[in-house]
Amino acid sequence: MLSRLRMEEAMRAERVQVSWDSNKSKWVVRIEAGAEVIRRHMDVPKDADDQTLRSAAQKTVQDEGYEVDLTEIVVHHLT
């Protein structure tokens, strides 16, 4: 059981950010886990609300094999 807990800790994203990538015209999720940084684009409308963006980001994070709580996802809005 202890090794399972360590494995779950190792698979937790430390930081997740969502921002608009104007070059690709898509939202991008930036996942930080230790020294690893993963960037994935999402097919979510440009005018999506925070809840939609956080839910889509959480799914993307899970697809990459990590876990994150919705409240820990930072959304950077368009300016």
N, C-alpha and C. Protein backbone atom coordinates (compact mmCIF):
# COMPACT_ATOMS: atom_id res chain seq x y z
N MET A 1 0.82 -1.19 0.00
CA MET A 1 0.00 0.00 0.00
C MET A 1 0.87 1.26 0.00
N LEU A 2 1.98 1.25 0.73
CA LEU A 2 2.85 2.40 0.78
C LEU A 2 3.43 2.73 -0.59
N SER A 3 3.82 1.71 -1.34
CA SER A 3 4.36 1.96 -2.69
C SER A 3 3.29 2.54 -3.60
N ARG A 4 2.05 2.15 -3.42
CA ARG A 4 0.95 2.70 -4.23
C ARG A 4 0.78 4.19 -3.94
N LEU A 5 0.88 4.57 -2.66
CA LEU A 5 0.77 5.98 -2.30
C LEU A 5 1.90 6.79 -2.92
N ARG A 6 3.10 6.27 -2.91
CA ARG A 6 4.23 6.97 -3.52
C ARG A 6 4.04 7.11 -5.01
N MET A 7 3.50 6.09 -5.66
CA MET A 7 3.26 6.15 -7.10
C MET A 7 2.22 7.22 -7.42
N GLU A 8 1.16 7.31 -6.62
CA GLU A 8 0.15 8.32 -6.83
C GLU A 8 0.72 9.72 -6.65
N GLU A 9 1.58 9.90 -5.66
CA GLU A 9 2.21 11.19 -5.45
C GLU A 9 3.07 11.58 -6.63
N ALA A 10 3.79 10.62 -7.17
CA ALA A 10 4.69 10.88 -8.29
C ALA A 10 3.90 11.25 -9.54
N MET A 11 2.65 10.85 -9.62
CA MET A 11 1.85 11.10 -10.80
C MET A 11 0.96 12.33 -10.65
N ARG A 12 1.22 13.13 -9.66
CA ARG A 12 0.41 14.33 -9.43
C ARG A 12 1.08 15.52 -10.11
N ALA A 13 0.30 16.25 -10.90
CA ALA A 13 0.81 17.46 -11.54
C ALA A 13 1.00 18.53 -10.47
N GLU A 14 2.15 19.18 -10.50
CA GLU A 14 2.44 20.21 -9.52
C GLU A 14 1.79 21.54 -9.88
N ARG A 15 1.68 21.79 -11.18
CA ARG A 15 1.12 23.07 -11.63
C ARG A 15 0.47 22.86 -12.99
N VAL A 16 -0.73 23.41 -13.14
CA VAL A 16 -1.44 23.32 -14.42
C VAL A 16 -1.98 24.70 -14.76
N GLN A 17 -1.65 25.16 -15.96
CA GLN A 17 -2.10 26.48 -16.43
C GLN A 17 -2.79 26.33 -17.77
N VAL A 18 -3.80 27.14 -17.97
CA VAL A 18 -4.52 27.18 -19.25
C VAL A 18 -4.39 28.59 -19.80
N SER A 19 -4.00 28.69 -21.06
CA SER A 19 -3.90 30.01 -21.69
C SER A 19 -4.22 29.89 -23.17
N TRP A 20 -4.49 31.04 -23.79
CA TRP A 20 -4.84 31.06 -25.21
C TRP A 20 -3.56 31.15 -26.04
N ASP A 21 -3.42 30.25 -27.00
CA ASP A 21 -2.29 30.25 -27.93
C ASP A 21 -2.77 30.92 -29.21
N SER A 22 -2.42 32.19 -29.38
CA SER A 22 -2.92 32.94 -30.54
C SER A 22 -2.32 32.43 -31.85
N ASN A 23 -1.15 31.81 -31.81
CA ASN A 23 -0.56 31.25 -33.03
C ASN A 23 -1.37 30.08 -33.57
N LYS A 24 -1.89 29.25 -32.68
CA LYS A 24 -2.69 28.08 -33.07
C LYS A 24 -4.19 28.33 -32.98
N SER A 25 -4.57 29.47 -32.39
CA SER A 25 -5.99 29.79 -32.16
C SER A 25 -6.69 28.69 -31.37
N LYS A 26 -6.00 28.24 -30.32
CA LYS A 26 -6.54 27.20 -29.44
C LYS A 26 -6.06 27.45 -28.02
N TRP A 27 -6.82 26.91 -27.07
CA TRP A 27 -6.38 26.92 -25.68
C TRP A 27 -5.30 25.88 -25.53
N VAL A 28 -4.30 26.18 -24.69
CA VAL A 28 -3.21 25.24 -24.42
C VAL A 28 -3.12 25.01 -22.92
N VAL A 29 -2.88 23.76 -22.55
CA VAL A 29 -2.70 23.38 -21.16
C VAL A 29 -1.20 23.13 -20.96
N ARG A 30 -0.66 23.75 -19.93
CA ARG A 30 0.75 23.56 -19.57
C ARG A 30 0.77 22.80 -18.26
N ILE A 31 1.34 21.59 -18.29
CA ILE A 31 1.37 20.70 -17.14
C ILE A 31 2.81 20.60 -16.65
N GLU A 32 3.03 20.91 -15.38
CA GLU A 32 4.36 20.79 -14.79
C GLU A 32 4.32 19.67 -13.75
N ALA A 33 5.25 18.74 -13.90
CA ALA A 33 5.40 17.65 -12.94
C ALA A 33 6.90 17.40 -12.78
N GLY A 34 7.46 17.91 -11.72
CA GLY A 34 8.91 17.82 -11.54
C GLY A 34 9.60 18.64 -12.61
N ALA A 35 10.59 18.06 -13.26
CA ALA A 35 11.31 18.76 -14.32
C ALA A 35 10.59 18.67 -15.66
N GLU A 36 9.56 17.85 -15.72
CA GLU A 36 8.83 17.64 -16.98
C GLU A 36 7.77 18.73 -17.18
N VAL A 37 7.71 19.26 -18.39
CA VAL A 37 6.68 20.22 -18.77
C VAL A 37 6.02 19.72 -20.05
N ILE A 38 4.71 19.57 -20.00
CA ILE A 38 3.95 19.07 -21.14
C ILE A 38 2.98 20.16 -21.58
N ARG A 39 2.92 20.40 -22.88
CA ARG A 39 1.96 21.36 -23.45
C ARG A 39 1.04 20.60 -24.40
N ARG A 40 -0.28 20.77 -24.19
CA ARG A 40 -1.27 20.12 -25.04
C ARG A 40 -2.35 21.13 -25.41
N HIS A 41 -2.72 21.17 -26.67
CA HIS A 41 -3.79 22.05 -27.12
C HIS A 41 -5.14 21.38 -26.92
N MET A 42 -6.16 22.20 -26.69
CA MET A 42 -7.52 21.69 -26.46
C MET A 42 -8.47 22.30 -27.48
N ASP A 43 -9.42 21.51 -27.91
CA ASP A 43 -10.47 21.99 -28.82
C ASP A 43 -11.65 22.49 -28.00
N VAL A 44 -11.47 23.68 -27.44
CA VAL A 44 -12.50 24.33 -26.63
C VAL A 44 -12.71 25.72 -27.23
N PRO A 45 -13.95 26.18 -27.33
CA PRO A 45 -14.21 27.50 -27.92
C PRO A 45 -13.43 28.62 -27.22
N LYS A 46 -13.06 29.61 -28.00
CA LYS A 46 -12.29 30.74 -27.49
C LYS A 46 -13.01 31.46 -26.34
N ASP A 47 -14.33 31.51 -26.41
CA ASP A 47 -15.12 32.22 -25.40
C ASP A 47 -15.61 31.31 -24.26
N ALA A 48 -14.98 30.16 -24.08
CA ALA A 48 -15.39 29.21 -23.03
C ALA A 48 -15.23 29.84 -21.65
N ASP A 49 -16.12 29.46 -20.73
CA ASP A 49 -16.02 29.97 -19.36
C ASP A 49 -14.98 29.17 -18.56
N ASP A 50 -14.66 29.68 -17.38
CA ASP A 50 -13.62 29.06 -16.54
C ASP A 50 -13.92 27.60 -16.23
N GLN A 51 -15.15 27.30 -15.90
CA GLN A 51 -15.50 25.92 -15.53
C GLN A 51 -15.26 24.97 -16.70
N THR A 52 -15.64 25.37 -17.90
CA THR A 52 -15.43 24.55 -19.09
C THR A 52 -13.93 24.34 -19.33
N LEU A 53 -13.16 25.42 -19.20
CA LEU A 53 -11.71 25.32 -19.41
C LEU A 53 -11.05 24.43 -18.36
N ARG A 54 -11.45 24.57 -17.12
CA ARG A 54 -10.87 23.74 -16.06
C ARG A 54 -11.22 22.27 -16.25
N SER A 55 -12.46 21.99 -16.63
CA SER A 55 -12.87 20.60 -16.85
C SER A 55 -12.11 19.98 -18.01
N ALA A 56 -11.97 20.73 -19.10
CA ALA A 56 -11.23 20.23 -20.26
C ALA A 56 -9.75 20.04 -19.92
N ALA A 57 -9.20 20.96 -19.14
CA ALA A 57 -7.80 20.84 -18.72
C ALA A 57 -7.61 19.63 -17.83
N GLN A 58 -8.53 19.41 -16.91
CA GLN A 58 -8.43 18.25 -16.02
C GLN A 58 -8.44 16.95 -16.83
N LYS A 59 -9.30 16.87 -17.83
CA LYS A 59 -9.34 15.68 -18.69
C LYS A 59 -8.02 15.50 -19.43
N THR A 60 -7.46 16.60 -19.94
CA THR A 60 -6.18 16.54 -20.64
C THR A 60 -5.07 16.06 -19.71
N VAL A 61 -5.06 16.58 -18.49
CA VAL A 61 -4.07 16.17 -17.50
C VAL A 61 -4.21 14.67 -17.21
N GLN A 62 -5.43 14.21 -17.04
CA GLN A 62 -5.67 12.79 -16.77
C GLN A 62 -5.25 11.93 -17.96
N ASP A 63 -5.50 12.41 -19.18
CA ASP A 63 -5.09 11.68 -20.38
C ASP A 63 -3.57 11.50 -20.43
N GLU A 64 -2.84 12.44 -19.83
CA GLU A 64 -1.38 12.36 -19.78
C GLU A 64 -0.88 11.51 -18.62
N GLY A 65 -1.82 11.00 -17.80
CA GLY A 65 -1.44 10.11 -16.71
C GLY A 65 -1.21 10.79 -15.38
N TYR A 66 -1.62 12.04 -15.27
CA TYR A 66 -1.44 12.80 -14.02
C TYR A 66 -2.79 13.10 -13.40
N GLU A 67 -2.73 13.55 -12.15
CA GLU A 67 -3.93 13.97 -11.44
C GLU A 67 -3.78 15.42 -11.02
N VAL A 68 -4.91 16.13 -11.00
CA VAL A 68 -4.93 17.51 -10.51
C VAL A 68 -6.35 17.82 -10.07
N ASP A 69 -6.48 18.65 -9.06
CA ASP A 69 -7.77 19.09 -8.58
C ASP A 69 -8.21 20.30 -9.40
N LEU A 70 -9.48 20.40 -9.70
CA LEU A 70 -10.00 21.53 -10.50
C LEU A 70 -9.61 22.88 -9.91
N THR A 71 -9.59 22.98 -8.60
CA THR A 71 -9.29 24.26 -7.96
C THR A 71 -7.84 24.68 -8.11
N GLU A 72 -6.97 23.76 -8.50
CA GLU A 72 -5.55 24.05 -8.67
C GLU A 72 -5.19 24.47 -10.09
N ILE A 73 -6.14 24.45 -11.00
CA ILE A 73 -5.89 24.82 -12.39
C ILE A 73 -6.04 26.33 -12.54
N VAL A 74 -4.98 26.96 -13.03
CA VAL A 74 -4.96 28.42 -13.21
C VAL A 74 -5.32 28.74 -14.66
N VAL A 75 -6.32 29.60 -14.83
CA VAL A 75 -6.74 30.03 -16.18
C VAL A 75 -6.28 31.44 -16.41
N HIS A 76 -5.51 31.64 -17.47
CA HIS A 76 -5.07 32.97 -17.87
C HIS A 76 -6.01 33.44 -18.99
N HIS A 77 -6.76 34.48 -18.71
CA HIS A 77 -7.76 34.96 -19.66
C HIS A 77 -7.13 35.79 -20.78
N LEU A 78 -7.87 35.88 -21.86
CA LEU A 78 -7.46 36.71 -22.99
C LEU A 78 -7.49 38.18 -22.58
N THR A 79 -6.55 38.93 -23.08
CA THR A 79 -6.55 40.36 -22.75
C THR A 79 -6.67 41.19 -23.99
